[in-house]
Amino acid sequence: ELTYLWSVADSMGYPFGPMVQMLILTGQRLREVAEAEWHEFDFDAGLWEIPPSRAKNDERHVVPMAQAVVDLLRELPKLGKPAKYLFTTTLETPVSGFTRAKQKLDDELAQLDIKRGREAGLLPAEIRPREAWTFHDIRRTMASGMAELGVMFEVIERVLNHKGASRGGVAGVYNRHQYLDEKRWALEAWASSLEIVE
């Protein structure tokens, strides 16, 4: 299903299309992606640093960027003088209007399903409607996909910036490792596993 979502997002264009694609590639939270600022990205180091003020758990979160993310970001227009937000329509505020954008995605996915159904020889009544989904489901799909790729649970938690079992209690006190190399491998493996990424 991510293949179809990626394709529909691709045809949707800026700002929501690449925003959805970045959600797919990074697994970060909707607001963290939608409100991302250019100064948070170090292209030389291949890192995206989400500051504590924008991270859900109020802690700095470093996301290694897979090459597919770097390529995606290099294609984005830099709007504003100076450019502040990756995704904006006003130049002064981050993108908003997620409900309308999601409806457009759903409408386009429905049309794609009808087209695929017809190509498979199905009658309109035989084409089942797509199950309801949310932007947050992309994170769940990514977590499941990484687990299937053999990514360790504690690395998945750190990629998603969860304060779960591997970061709480004694483990959280004694294990200060940042897992940057492991997170980079996991994100590259995830991007490579997606047939949508060339």
Protein backbone atom coordinates (compact mmCIF):
# COMPACT_ATOMS: atom_id res chain seq x y z
CA GLU A 1 0.00 0.00 0.00
CA LEU A 2 2.93 2.35 0.55
CA THR A 3 3.75 1.94 -3.12
CA TYR A 4 0.35 3.36 -4.06
CA LEU A 5 0.53 6.09 -1.41
CA TRP A 6 3.98 7.13 -2.67
CA SER A 7 2.70 7.24 -6.26
CA VAL A 8 -0.34 9.34 -5.35
CA ALA A 9 1.82 11.67 -3.23
CA ASP A 10 4.20 12.02 -6.17
CA SER A 11 1.38 13.21 -8.41
CA MET A 12 0.06 15.52 -5.69
CA GLY A 13 3.09 17.78 -5.80
CA TYR A 14 4.46 20.28 -3.31
CA PRO A 15 3.99 20.73 -0.39
CA PHE A 16 1.89 17.73 0.67
CA GLY A 17 3.28 15.19 -1.79
CA PRO A 18 6.90 15.35 -0.66
CA MET A 19 5.76 15.79 2.95
CA VAL A 20 4.00 12.40 2.78
CA GLN A 21 7.02 10.85 1.09
CA MET A 22 9.23 12.15 3.91
CA LEU A 23 6.83 10.60 6.43
CA ILE A 24 7.22 7.28 4.61
CA LEU A 25 11.02 7.45 4.49
CA THR A 26 11.70 8.75 8.02
CA GLY A 27 8.78 7.50 10.14
CA GLN A 28 8.77 10.71 12.15
CA ARG A 29 5.62 12.30 13.53
CA LEU A 30 3.39 14.37 11.24
CA ARG A 31 4.07 17.70 12.95
CA GLU A 32 7.79 17.01 13.22
CA VAL A 33 7.94 16.58 9.44
CA ALA A 34 5.38 19.26 8.50
CA GLU A 35 7.03 21.91 10.69
CA ALA A 36 10.63 21.00 9.83
CA GLU A 37 12.98 23.94 9.30
CA TRP A 38 15.94 24.07 6.93
CA HIS A 39 18.44 24.90 9.69
CA GLU A 40 17.74 21.52 11.33
CA PHE A 41 19.42 19.65 8.46
CA ASP A 42 23.14 18.98 8.10
CA PHE A 43 23.55 17.64 4.58
CA ASP A 44 27.30 17.09 4.96
CA ALA A 45 26.79 14.85 7.98
CA GLY A 46 23.52 13.43 6.65
CA LEU A 47 21.66 14.29 9.84
CA TRP A 48 18.35 15.89 10.75
CA GLU A 49 18.22 17.25 14.30
CA ILE A 50 14.74 17.81 15.68
CA PRO A 51 15.10 20.25 18.60
CA PRO A 52 13.53 19.52 22.00
CA SER A 53 10.94 22.25 21.40
CA ARG A 54 9.54 20.28 18.44
CA ALA A 55 10.01 16.70 19.66
CA LYS A 56 7.15 15.01 21.47
CA ASN A 57 9.24 13.91 24.43
CA ASP A 58 11.01 17.30 24.76
CA GLU A 59 14.42 15.78 23.96
CA ARG A 60 16.71 16.50 21.02
CA HIS A 61 16.19 13.80 18.39
CA VAL A 62 18.78 13.07 15.71
CA VAL A 63 17.56 11.31 12.57
CA PRO A 64 20.22 10.01 10.16
CA MET A 65 19.04 10.69 6.62
CA ALA A 66 18.94 7.86 4.11
CA GLN A 67 20.18 8.90 0.68
CA ALA A 68 16.57 8.82 -0.54
CA VAL A 69 15.69 11.52 2.02
CA VAL A 70 18.64 13.67 0.95
CA ASP A 71 17.57 13.31 -2.69
CA LEU A 72 13.98 14.21 -1.81
CA LEU A 73 15.01 17.31 0.14
CA ARG A 74 17.37 18.53 -2.57
CA GLU A 75 14.37 18.62 -4.93
CA LEU A 76 12.31 20.85 -2.63
CA PRO A 77 11.94 24.55 -3.42
CA LYS A 78 13.45 26.90 -0.85
CA LEU A 79 10.69 29.43 -0.34
CA GLY A 80 11.07 32.69 1.56
CA LYS A 81 13.97 35.05 2.14
CA PRO A 82 15.54 33.43 3.95
CA ALA A 83 13.86 30.07 3.47
CA LYS A 84 12.67 28.76 6.83
CA TYR A 85 10.22 25.87 6.44
CA LEU A 86 10.62 22.82 4.20
CA PHE A 87 6.88 22.68 3.63
CA THR A 88 4.98 25.96 3.43
CA THR A 89 2.35 27.73 1.39
CA THR A 90 2.63 31.13 3.10
CA LEU A 91 6.45 31.37 3.36
CA GLU A 92 5.98 32.49 6.97
CA THR A 93 4.32 29.44 8.56
CA PRO A 94 4.62 25.69 8.12
CA VAL A 95 2.10 23.85 6.00
CA SER A 96 -1.32 23.10 7.49
CA GLY A 97 -4.64 21.78 6.22
CA PHE A 98 -3.87 18.12 6.82
CA THR A 99 -7.52 17.05 6.77
CA ARG A 100 -8.01 18.37 3.24
CA ALA A 101 -4.71 16.92 2.09
CA LYS A 102 -5.62 13.53 3.54
CA GLN A 103 -9.02 13.65 1.78
CA LYS A 104 -7.29 14.38 -1.52
CA LEU A 105 -4.94 11.45 -0.96
CA ASP A 106 -7.91 9.20 -0.16
CA ASP A 107 -9.77 10.35 -3.27
CA GLU A 108 -6.74 9.70 -5.46
CA LEU A 109 -6.16 6.29 -3.85
CA ALA A 110 -9.81 5.37 -4.48
CA GLN A 111 -9.43 6.30 -8.15
CA LEU A 112 -6.26 4.22 -8.33
CA ASP A 113 -8.09 1.26 -6.77
CA ILE A 114 -10.89 1.56 -9.34
CA LYS A 115 -8.37 1.68 -12.18
CA ARG A 116 -6.47 -1.34 -10.84
CA GLY A 117 -9.74 -3.21 -10.30
CA ARG A 118 -10.87 -2.59 -13.86
CA GLU A 119 -7.49 -3.69 -15.20
CA ALA A 120 -7.93 -6.91 -13.20
CA GLY A 121 -11.35 -7.44 -14.78
CA LEU A 122 -13.41 -6.64 -11.69
CA LEU A 123 -16.84 -5.04 -11.80
CA PRO A 124 -17.23 -1.76 -9.86
CA ALA A 125 -19.26 -3.53 -7.15
CA GLU A 126 -16.44 -6.04 -6.68
CA ILE A 127 -13.82 -3.38 -5.90
CA ARG A 128 -13.55 -3.23 -2.12
CA PRO A 129 -13.10 0.18 -0.51
CA ARG A 130 -9.76 0.82 1.11
CA GLU A 131 -9.57 0.52 4.89
CA ALA A 132 -9.45 3.81 6.78
CA TRP A 133 -5.94 4.93 7.66
CA THR A 134 -4.19 7.85 9.35
CA PHE A 135 -0.83 9.54 8.87
CA HIS A 136 0.26 7.90 12.13
CA ASP A 137 -0.27 4.48 10.52
CA ILE A 138 2.78 5.21 8.37
CA ARG A 139 4.93 5.08 11.54
CA ARG A 140 3.36 1.77 12.55
CA THR A 141 3.96 0.34 9.09
CA MET A 142 7.57 1.46 9.19
CA ALA A 143 8.13 -0.08 12.63
CA SER A 144 6.69 -3.40 11.43
CA GLY A 145 8.70 -3.24 8.22
CA MET A 146 11.95 -2.57 10.06
CA ALA A 147 11.28 -5.49 12.39
CA GLU A 148 10.81 -7.72 9.33
CA LEU A 149 14.18 -6.47 8.05
CA GLY A 150 15.83 -7.62 11.28
CA VAL A 151 16.24 -4.20 12.92
CA MET A 152 16.53 -4.57 16.69
CA PHE A 153 13.63 -3.35 18.81
CA GLU A 154 15.75 -0.77 20.65
CA VAL A 155 16.92 0.71 17.34
CA ILE A 156 13.35 0.94 16.03
CA GLU A 157 12.36 2.75 19.24
CA ARG A 158 15.18 5.23 18.77
CA VAL A 159 14.39 5.81 15.10
CA LEU A 160 10.80 6.63 16.08
CA ASN A 161 11.91 8.57 19.18
CA HIS A 162 9.81 6.43 21.50
CA LYS A 163 10.48 6.42 25.20
CA GLY A 164 9.62 2.76 25.52
CA ALA A 165 10.96 -0.22 27.39
CA SER A 166 14.49 0.02 25.99
CA ARG A 167 14.87 3.62 27.21
CA GLY A 168 13.14 3.45 30.56
CA GLY A 169 14.20 2.25 34.00
CA VAL A 170 17.72 0.91 34.46
CA ALA A 171 18.29 0.65 30.68
CA GLY A 172 17.58 4.36 30.27
CA VAL A 173 19.94 5.28 33.09
CA TYR A 174 22.88 3.14 32.04
CA ASN A 175 22.64 2.90 28.27
CA ARG A 176 23.61 6.33 26.89
CA HIS A 177 24.54 5.06 23.43
CA GLN A 178 22.94 7.24 20.72
CA TYR A 179 22.63 4.40 18.15
CA LEU A 180 23.42 6.78 15.27
CA ASP A 181 25.16 4.16 13.13
CA GLU A 182 22.44 1.61 13.85
CA LYS A 183 19.69 4.12 13.08
CA ARG A 184 21.41 5.07 9.82
CA TRP A 185 21.65 1.42 8.76
CA ALA A 186 18.00 0.84 9.68
CA LEU A 187 16.77 3.87 7.73
CA GLU A 188 18.87 3.01 4.69
CA ALA A 189 17.61 -0.59 4.84
CA TRP A 190 14.02 0.64 5.11
CA ALA A 191 14.41 3.01 2.15
CA SER A 192 16.09 0.29 0.08
CA SER A 193 13.29 -2.16 0.89
CA LEU A 194 10.67 0.14 -0.59
CA GLU A 195 10.10 -0.56 -4.26
CA ILE A 196 9.02 3.06 -4.63
CA VAL A 197 12.50 4.41 -4.03
CA GLU A 198 14.81 4.29 -7.01
